[in-house]
N, C-alpha and C. Protein backbone atom coordinates (compact mmCIF):
# COMPACT_ATOMS: atom_id res chain seq x y z
N UNK A 1 51.65 20.85 23.06
CA UNK A 1 50.22 20.68 22.96
C UNK A 1 49.74 19.56 23.88
N UNK A 2 50.59 18.55 24.08
CA UNK A 2 50.19 17.44 24.94
C UNK A 2 49.90 17.88 26.36
N UNK A 3 50.77 18.69 26.93
CA UNK A 3 50.56 19.18 28.31
C UNK A 3 49.34 20.10 28.35
N UNK A 4 49.23 20.96 27.36
CA UNK A 4 48.11 21.89 27.29
C UNK A 4 46.78 21.15 27.25
N UNK A 5 46.68 20.13 26.40
CA UNK A 5 45.43 19.38 26.29
C UNK A 5 45.15 18.55 27.54
N UNK A 6 46.18 18.12 28.23
CA UNK A 6 45.97 17.40 29.48
C UNK A 6 45.38 18.33 30.55
N UNK A 7 45.81 19.58 30.54
CA UNK A 7 45.31 20.55 31.53
C UNK A 7 43.89 21.02 31.22
N UNK A 8 43.44 20.85 29.99
CA UNK A 8 42.09 21.25 29.61
C UNK A 8 41.11 20.19 30.07
N UNK A 9 40.12 20.58 30.87
CA UNK A 9 39.18 19.62 31.43
C UNK A 9 37.85 19.54 30.70
N UNK A 10 37.57 20.49 29.84
CA UNK A 10 36.33 20.43 29.07
C UNK A 10 35.11 20.72 29.91
N UNK A 11 33.95 20.59 29.27
CA UNK A 11 32.69 20.89 29.94
C UNK A 11 32.00 19.65 30.50
N UNK A 12 32.47 18.47 30.12
CA UNK A 12 31.92 17.25 30.68
C UNK A 12 33.01 16.17 30.65
N UNK A 13 32.69 15.01 31.18
CA UNK A 13 33.72 13.96 31.28
C UNK A 13 34.14 13.45 29.91
N UNK A 14 33.23 13.41 28.94
CA UNK A 14 33.60 12.95 27.60
C UNK A 14 34.61 13.89 26.96
N UNK A 15 34.39 15.18 27.09
CA UNK A 15 35.33 16.16 26.54
C UNK A 15 36.67 16.09 27.27
N UNK A 16 36.63 15.85 28.56
CA UNK A 16 37.85 15.69 29.34
C UNK A 16 38.64 14.47 28.86
N UNK A 17 37.95 13.35 28.65
CA UNK A 17 38.63 12.14 28.18
C UNK A 17 39.19 12.32 26.77
N UNK A 18 38.47 13.05 25.93
CA UNK A 18 38.98 13.33 24.58
C UNK A 18 40.26 14.16 24.68
N UNK A 19 40.27 15.14 25.57
CA UNK A 19 41.48 15.95 25.78
C UNK A 19 42.63 15.12 26.31
N UNK A 20 42.33 14.20 27.23
CA UNK A 20 43.39 13.34 27.77
C UNK A 20 43.95 12.40 26.70
N UNK A 21 43.06 11.87 25.84
CA UNK A 21 43.51 11.01 24.76
C UNK A 21 44.35 11.80 23.75
N UNK A 22 43.93 13.02 23.44
CA UNK A 22 44.72 13.89 22.56
C UNK A 22 46.07 14.19 23.18
N UNK A 23 46.08 14.44 24.48
CA UNK A 23 47.33 14.70 25.20
C UNK A 23 48.27 13.51 25.13
N UNK A 24 47.75 12.34 25.43
CA UNK A 24 48.58 11.13 25.40
C UNK A 24 49.13 10.88 24.01
N UNK A 25 48.30 11.05 22.99
CA UNK A 25 48.77 10.81 21.62
C UNK A 25 49.78 11.87 21.19
N UNK A 26 49.60 13.12 21.60
CA UNK A 26 50.59 14.16 21.28
C UNK A 26 51.93 13.85 21.94
N UNK A 27 51.89 13.35 23.16
CA UNK A 27 53.14 12.98 23.82
C UNK A 27 53.77 11.76 23.15
N UNK A 28 52.95 10.85 22.63
CA UNK A 28 53.47 9.71 21.88
C UNK A 28 54.22 10.16 20.63
N UNK A 29 53.68 11.17 19.96
CA UNK A 29 54.35 11.73 18.78
C UNK A 29 55.68 12.38 19.20
N UNK A 30 55.64 13.13 20.28
CA UNK A 30 56.83 13.88 20.71
C UNK A 30 57.95 12.97 21.23
N UNK A 31 57.59 11.97 21.99
CA UNK A 31 58.61 11.14 22.64
C UNK A 31 59.01 9.91 21.84
N UNK A 32 58.30 9.61 20.77
CA UNK A 32 58.62 8.44 19.94
C UNK A 32 58.83 8.91 18.50
N UNK A 33 60.03 9.31 18.15
CA UNK A 33 60.26 9.83 16.80
C UNK A 33 60.24 8.74 15.74
N UNK A 34 59.99 9.16 14.51
CA UNK A 34 60.08 8.25 13.38
C UNK A 34 61.53 7.79 13.22
N UNK A 35 61.70 6.63 12.64
CA UNK A 35 63.04 6.18 12.30
C UNK A 35 63.59 7.10 11.21
N UNK A 36 64.88 7.44 11.28
CA UNK A 36 65.44 8.35 10.28
C UNK A 36 65.28 7.81 8.86
N UNK A 37 64.94 8.71 7.94
CA UNK A 37 64.82 8.39 6.51
C UNK A 37 63.92 7.19 6.25
N UNK A 38 62.77 7.14 6.92
CA UNK A 38 61.88 5.99 6.75
C UNK A 38 60.49 6.44 6.33
N UNK A 39 59.75 5.51 5.81
CA UNK A 39 58.35 5.70 5.48
C UNK A 39 57.56 5.45 6.77
N UNK A 40 56.57 6.28 7.10
CA UNK A 40 55.83 6.06 8.34
C UNK A 40 55.21 4.67 8.48
N UNK A 41 54.92 4.01 7.35
CA UNK A 41 54.32 2.68 7.42
C UNK A 41 55.35 1.55 7.52
N UNK A 42 56.59 1.85 7.27
CA UNK A 42 57.63 0.82 7.28
C UNK A 42 58.77 1.23 8.20
N UNK A 43 58.52 1.09 9.48
CA UNK A 43 59.49 1.46 10.50
C UNK A 43 60.32 0.23 10.88
N UNK A 44 61.48 0.49 11.46
CA UNK A 44 62.31 -0.63 11.91
C UNK A 44 62.29 -0.77 13.43
N UNK A 45 61.65 0.20 14.13
CA UNK A 45 61.58 0.13 15.59
C UNK A 45 60.14 0.36 16.05
N UNK A 46 59.89 -0.07 17.26
CA UNK A 46 58.56 0.13 17.85
C UNK A 46 58.25 1.61 18.02
N UNK A 47 59.26 2.42 18.35
CA UNK A 47 59.00 3.85 18.56
C UNK A 47 58.51 4.52 17.27
N UNK A 48 59.00 4.07 16.14
CA UNK A 48 58.53 4.61 14.87
C UNK A 48 57.06 4.30 14.64
N UNK A 49 56.65 3.07 14.94
CA UNK A 49 55.24 2.70 14.79
C UNK A 49 54.36 3.43 15.80
N UNK A 50 54.87 3.61 17.02
CA UNK A 50 54.12 4.36 18.03
C UNK A 50 53.90 5.80 17.55
N UNK A 51 54.93 6.39 16.94
CA UNK A 51 54.82 7.75 16.42
C UNK A 51 53.70 7.83 15.37
N UNK A 52 53.72 6.91 14.43
CA UNK A 52 52.72 6.91 13.36
C UNK A 52 51.31 6.73 13.92
N UNK A 53 51.13 5.75 14.80
CA UNK A 53 49.82 5.49 15.41
C UNK A 53 49.37 6.70 16.23
N UNK A 54 50.28 7.24 17.04
CA UNK A 54 49.94 8.39 17.89
C UNK A 54 49.57 9.60 17.06
N UNK A 55 50.26 9.80 15.94
CA UNK A 55 49.94 10.94 15.07
C UNK A 55 48.54 10.83 14.50
N UNK A 56 48.18 9.65 14.02
CA UNK A 56 46.83 9.45 13.51
C UNK A 56 45.78 9.67 14.58
N UNK A 57 46.01 9.13 15.77
CA UNK A 57 45.08 9.29 16.88
C UNK A 57 44.98 10.75 17.31
N UNK A 58 46.10 11.45 17.32
CA UNK A 58 46.12 12.86 17.70
C UNK A 58 45.23 13.68 16.76
N UNK A 59 45.42 13.52 15.46
CA UNK A 59 44.61 14.30 14.52
C UNK A 59 43.14 13.88 14.57
N UNK A 60 42.86 12.63 14.83
CA UNK A 60 41.48 12.18 14.97
C UNK A 60 40.81 12.87 16.16
N UNK A 61 41.50 12.97 17.29
CA UNK A 61 40.92 13.64 18.46
C UNK A 61 40.73 15.14 18.20
N UNK A 62 41.65 15.77 17.46
CA UNK A 62 41.46 17.18 17.13
C UNK A 62 40.22 17.37 16.27
N UNK A 63 40.01 16.45 15.33
CA UNK A 63 38.80 16.52 14.49
C UNK A 63 37.55 16.33 15.34
N UNK A 64 37.59 15.44 16.32
CA UNK A 64 36.44 15.23 17.20
C UNK A 64 36.12 16.49 17.99
N UNK A 65 37.15 17.19 18.47
CA UNK A 65 36.91 18.46 19.15
C UNK A 65 36.19 19.43 18.21
N UNK A 66 36.72 19.59 17.00
CA UNK A 66 36.15 20.58 16.07
C UNK A 66 34.76 20.21 15.59
N UNK A 67 34.53 18.93 15.34
CA UNK A 67 33.25 18.52 14.76
C UNK A 67 32.18 18.17 15.79
N UNK A 68 32.59 17.78 17.00
CA UNK A 68 31.60 17.35 17.98
C UNK A 68 31.57 18.24 19.24
N UNK A 69 32.68 18.33 19.93
CA UNK A 69 32.67 19.02 21.22
C UNK A 69 32.45 20.53 21.10
N UNK A 70 33.17 21.19 20.22
CA UNK A 70 33.07 22.65 20.14
C UNK A 70 31.70 23.14 19.69
N UNK A 71 31.09 22.57 18.65
CA UNK A 71 29.79 23.11 18.22
C UNK A 71 28.68 22.94 19.24
N UNK A 72 28.69 21.83 19.98
CA UNK A 72 27.58 21.64 20.93
C UNK A 72 27.71 22.59 22.09
N UNK A 73 28.94 22.97 22.39
CA UNK A 73 29.20 24.01 23.37
C UNK A 73 28.59 23.77 24.73
N UNK A 74 28.56 24.80 25.47
CA UNK A 74 28.00 24.82 26.81
C UNK A 74 26.93 25.90 26.80
N UNK A 75 25.71 25.57 27.18
CA UNK A 75 24.59 26.49 27.03
C UNK A 75 24.87 27.84 27.69
N UNK A 76 25.55 27.85 28.80
CA UNK A 76 25.84 29.10 29.48
C UNK A 76 26.72 30.03 28.66
N UNK A 77 27.47 29.49 27.72
CA UNK A 77 28.32 30.32 26.87
C UNK A 77 27.62 30.77 25.60
N UNK A 78 26.47 30.22 25.30
CA UNK A 78 25.76 30.57 24.08
C UNK A 78 24.78 31.72 24.37
N UNK A 79 25.33 32.88 24.69
CA UNK A 79 24.48 33.97 25.12
C UNK A 79 24.01 34.89 24.00
N UNK A 80 24.80 35.07 23.00
CA UNK A 80 24.39 36.05 21.99
C UNK A 80 24.50 35.48 20.58
N UNK A 81 24.92 36.20 19.60
CA UNK A 81 24.57 35.93 18.23
C UNK A 81 25.60 35.23 17.35
N UNK A 82 26.77 34.94 17.78
CA UNK A 82 27.79 34.40 16.89
C UNK A 82 27.78 32.88 16.78
N UNK A 83 26.73 32.22 17.26
CA UNK A 83 26.70 30.76 17.25
C UNK A 83 26.83 30.16 15.86
N UNK A 84 26.11 30.71 14.89
CA UNK A 84 26.15 30.16 13.53
C UNK A 84 27.53 30.33 12.91
N UNK A 85 28.16 31.49 13.12
CA UNK A 85 29.50 31.73 12.59
C UNK A 85 30.50 30.76 13.22
N UNK A 86 30.39 30.60 14.51
CA UNK A 86 31.32 29.70 15.21
C UNK A 86 31.11 28.26 14.74
N UNK A 87 29.87 27.82 14.67
CA UNK A 87 29.60 26.45 14.24
C UNK A 87 30.10 26.20 12.82
N UNK A 88 29.95 27.19 11.95
CA UNK A 88 30.45 27.04 10.58
C UNK A 88 31.98 26.92 10.59
N UNK A 89 32.63 27.70 11.42
CA UNK A 89 34.08 27.62 11.49
C UNK A 89 34.53 26.29 12.10
N UNK A 90 33.83 25.82 13.12
CA UNK A 90 34.16 24.51 13.70
C UNK A 90 34.03 23.42 12.64
N UNK A 91 32.96 23.49 11.86
CA UNK A 91 32.75 22.49 10.81
C UNK A 91 33.88 22.58 9.78
N UNK A 92 34.21 23.80 9.35
CA UNK A 92 35.28 23.98 8.35
C UNK A 92 36.62 23.48 8.87
N UNK A 93 36.93 23.76 10.12
CA UNK A 93 38.21 23.30 10.66
C UNK A 93 38.21 21.79 10.84
N UNK A 94 37.10 21.23 11.28
CA UNK A 94 37.02 19.78 11.43
C UNK A 94 37.16 19.07 10.09
N UNK A 95 36.49 19.59 9.06
CA UNK A 95 36.59 19.00 7.73
C UNK A 95 38.02 19.17 7.18
N UNK A 96 38.65 20.29 7.48
CA UNK A 96 40.04 20.50 7.06
C UNK A 96 40.95 19.45 7.69
N UNK A 97 40.78 19.19 8.98
CA UNK A 97 41.60 18.19 9.67
C UNK A 97 41.35 16.81 9.08
N UNK A 98 40.09 16.46 8.89
CA UNK A 98 39.76 15.15 8.30
C UNK A 98 40.31 15.06 6.88
N UNK A 99 40.18 16.13 6.11
CA UNK A 99 40.71 16.15 4.75
C UNK A 99 42.22 15.94 4.72
N UNK A 100 42.92 16.59 5.64
CA UNK A 100 44.38 16.40 5.72
C UNK A 100 44.71 14.95 6.08
N UNK A 101 43.93 14.36 6.99
CA UNK A 101 44.16 12.97 7.35
C UNK A 101 43.93 12.05 6.15
N UNK A 102 42.88 12.33 5.39
CA UNK A 102 42.59 11.51 4.20
C UNK A 102 43.72 11.64 3.18
N UNK A 103 44.17 12.86 2.95
CA UNK A 103 45.27 13.06 2.00
C UNK A 103 46.55 12.36 2.46
N UNK A 104 46.82 12.42 3.77
CA UNK A 104 47.99 11.70 4.29
C UNK A 104 47.81 10.19 4.11
N UNK A 105 46.60 9.70 4.34
CA UNK A 105 46.33 8.27 4.15
C UNK A 105 46.49 7.85 2.71
N UNK A 106 45.99 8.67 1.79
CA UNK A 106 46.16 8.37 0.37
C UNK A 106 47.65 8.33 0.02
N UNK A 107 48.39 9.31 0.53
CA UNK A 107 49.82 9.34 0.28
C UNK A 107 50.51 8.08 0.83
N UNK A 108 50.14 7.68 2.02
CA UNK A 108 50.82 6.54 2.65
C UNK A 108 50.39 5.19 2.09
N UNK A 109 49.10 5.04 1.75
CA UNK A 109 48.58 3.72 1.40
C UNK A 109 48.33 3.49 -0.09
N UNK A 110 47.99 4.53 -0.84
CA UNK A 110 47.49 4.31 -2.20
C UNK A 110 48.40 4.77 -3.33
N UNK A 111 49.26 5.73 -3.08
CA UNK A 111 50.05 6.28 -4.17
C UNK A 111 51.18 5.35 -4.58
N UNK A 112 51.50 5.32 -5.87
CA UNK A 112 52.67 4.57 -6.31
C UNK A 112 53.95 5.16 -5.70
N UNK A 113 54.94 4.34 -5.56
CA UNK A 113 56.19 4.75 -4.90
C UNK A 113 56.83 5.97 -5.56
N UNK A 114 56.80 6.05 -6.87
CA UNK A 114 57.43 7.17 -7.57
C UNK A 114 56.74 8.50 -7.23
N UNK A 115 55.40 8.47 -7.23
CA UNK A 115 54.66 9.69 -6.91
C UNK A 115 54.84 10.07 -5.45
N UNK A 116 54.85 9.07 -4.58
CA UNK A 116 55.06 9.31 -3.15
C UNK A 116 56.44 9.93 -2.92
N UNK A 117 57.44 9.46 -3.63
CA UNK A 117 58.79 10.01 -3.50
C UNK A 117 58.80 11.48 -3.90
N UNK A 118 58.10 11.82 -4.98
CA UNK A 118 58.02 13.21 -5.41
C UNK A 118 57.36 14.07 -4.35
N UNK A 119 56.25 13.60 -3.79
CA UNK A 119 55.57 14.37 -2.73
C UNK A 119 56.45 14.50 -1.49
N UNK A 120 57.18 13.46 -1.16
CA UNK A 120 58.06 13.51 0.02
C UNK A 120 59.16 14.55 -0.14
N UNK A 121 59.58 14.83 -1.37
CA UNK A 121 60.58 15.87 -1.59
C UNK A 121 60.05 17.24 -1.18
N UNK A 122 58.74 17.40 -1.26
CA UNK A 122 58.11 18.65 -0.86
C UNK A 122 57.58 18.61 0.57
N UNK A 123 57.95 17.58 1.33
CA UNK A 123 57.53 17.42 2.75
C UNK A 123 56.01 17.42 2.87
N UNK A 124 55.35 16.63 2.04
CA UNK A 124 53.89 16.59 1.98
C UNK A 124 53.25 16.29 3.34
N UNK A 125 53.73 15.26 4.02
CA UNK A 125 53.14 14.90 5.33
C UNK A 125 53.30 16.05 6.31
N UNK A 126 54.47 16.66 6.34
CA UNK A 126 54.70 17.80 7.23
C UNK A 126 53.67 18.90 6.97
N UNK A 127 53.43 19.26 5.71
CA UNK A 127 52.51 20.35 5.40
C UNK A 127 51.06 19.99 5.73
N UNK A 128 50.68 18.74 5.54
CA UNK A 128 49.33 18.32 5.92
C UNK A 128 49.16 18.39 7.45
N UNK A 129 50.18 17.97 8.18
CA UNK A 129 50.13 18.07 9.64
C UNK A 129 50.06 19.53 10.07
N UNK A 130 50.85 20.38 9.42
CA UNK A 130 50.88 21.80 9.74
C UNK A 130 49.50 22.43 9.53
N UNK A 131 48.88 22.14 8.40
CA UNK A 131 47.55 22.68 8.10
C UNK A 131 46.53 22.20 9.13
N UNK A 132 46.58 20.91 9.48
CA UNK A 132 45.62 20.36 10.45
C UNK A 132 45.79 21.00 11.83
N UNK A 133 47.02 21.20 12.27
CA UNK A 133 47.25 21.81 13.59
C UNK A 133 46.77 23.26 13.58
N UNK A 134 47.04 23.99 12.51
CA UNK A 134 46.58 25.38 12.46
C UNK A 134 45.06 25.47 12.35
N UNK A 135 44.44 24.52 11.68
CA UNK A 135 42.98 24.50 11.63
C UNK A 135 42.42 24.32 13.04
N UNK A 136 43.00 23.38 13.79
CA UNK A 136 42.55 23.20 15.17
C UNK A 136 42.81 24.45 16.00
N UNK A 137 43.92 25.11 15.77
CA UNK A 137 44.24 26.34 16.51
C UNK A 137 43.17 27.40 16.27
N UNK A 138 42.71 27.52 15.04
CA UNK A 138 41.65 28.48 14.74
C UNK A 138 40.37 28.12 15.49
N UNK A 139 40.02 26.83 15.51
CA UNK A 139 38.82 26.40 16.25
C UNK A 139 38.98 26.70 17.74
N UNK A 140 40.16 26.47 18.26
CA UNK A 140 40.40 26.71 19.69
C UNK A 140 40.26 28.19 20.02
N UNK A 141 40.78 29.07 19.15
CA UNK A 141 40.65 30.51 19.38
C UNK A 141 39.20 30.95 19.33
N UNK A 142 38.42 30.34 18.47
CA UNK A 142 37.00 30.67 18.41
C UNK A 142 36.29 30.15 19.67
N UNK A 143 36.62 28.93 20.08
CA UNK A 143 35.98 28.36 21.28
C UNK A 143 36.30 29.20 22.52
N UNK A 144 37.53 29.69 22.60
CA UNK A 144 37.93 30.55 23.72
C UNK A 144 37.48 31.99 23.55
N UNK A 145 36.77 32.27 22.48
CA UNK A 145 36.19 33.56 22.14
C UNK A 145 37.24 34.66 21.96
N UNK A 146 38.44 34.26 21.54
CA UNK A 146 39.41 35.25 21.09
C UNK A 146 38.99 35.77 19.71
N UNK A 147 38.26 34.93 18.96
CA UNK A 147 37.64 35.31 17.69
C UNK A 147 36.14 35.06 17.81
N UNK A 148 35.34 35.88 17.17
CA UNK A 148 33.87 35.77 17.22
C UNK A 148 33.34 35.77 18.65
N UNK A 149 33.85 36.68 19.46
CA UNK A 149 33.47 36.73 20.88
C UNK A 149 32.03 37.19 21.03
N UNK A 150 31.38 36.66 22.05
CA UNK A 150 30.04 37.10 22.39
C UNK A 150 30.10 38.45 23.08
N UNK A 151 29.04 39.19 22.92
CA UNK A 151 28.90 40.44 23.63
C UNK A 151 28.07 40.15 24.89
N UNK A 152 28.63 40.42 26.04
CA UNK A 152 27.94 40.10 27.29
C UNK A 152 27.27 41.32 27.91
N UNK A 153 27.18 42.41 27.16
CA UNK A 153 26.62 43.62 27.75
C UNK A 153 25.16 43.47 28.12
N UNK A 154 24.41 42.69 27.36
CA UNK A 154 22.99 42.48 27.67
C UNK A 154 22.74 41.04 28.07
N UNK A 155 23.69 40.42 28.73
CA UNK A 155 23.58 38.98 29.01
C UNK A 155 22.40 38.65 29.91
N UNK A 156 22.02 39.54 30.80
CA UNK A 156 20.88 39.26 31.68
C UNK A 156 19.58 39.16 30.88
N UNK A 157 19.42 40.07 29.89
CA UNK A 157 18.20 40.01 29.08
C UNK A 157 18.21 38.79 28.18
N UNK A 158 19.37 38.39 27.68
CA UNK A 158 19.47 37.19 26.86
C UNK A 158 19.17 35.96 27.69
N UNK A 159 19.69 35.89 28.92
CA UNK A 159 19.40 34.77 29.82
C UNK A 159 17.91 34.67 30.09
N UNK A 160 17.27 35.83 30.28
CA UNK A 160 15.82 35.83 30.54
C UNK A 160 15.04 35.33 29.33
N UNK A 161 15.52 35.69 28.12
CA UNK A 161 14.83 35.26 26.90
C UNK A 161 14.98 33.75 26.69
N UNK A 162 16.11 33.18 27.07
CA UNK A 162 16.36 31.76 26.85
C UNK A 162 15.76 30.88 27.93
N UNK A 163 15.34 31.46 29.03
CA UNK A 163 14.78 30.65 30.14
C UNK A 163 13.35 30.29 29.91
């Protein structure tokens, strides 16, 4: 995902920088693993802390894409009728990502050790990360119009109406 997001340039410089930041943080997660059998907040090496920080930053940038960049879109792509459906899906995926981040934060910072240990047996952090990445994937498919695609058959008349 890091290379993919680096190659994505977005519709303006802010979206490009968000993609680059997401790319850098994804590579931080990939190249700096957690310390074995450790809590993300209590690492024994710098690479473990880099992994934790990069993971939080990565999911934050994915939420920014879903909640800010994708809904505002590019006017040239907003030709026909699926805007409301797409915006609702962007909002739902962004809230899902933020919700997963909040649940991970609660798990890491607020839960008693015994309860946290029980959740860790079920790979709680892994599943929250998995849900957040798939939520972003759904938003990306909608943005690329693999889902809820616009119909361009009457695009000239739609362009004339919007001018």
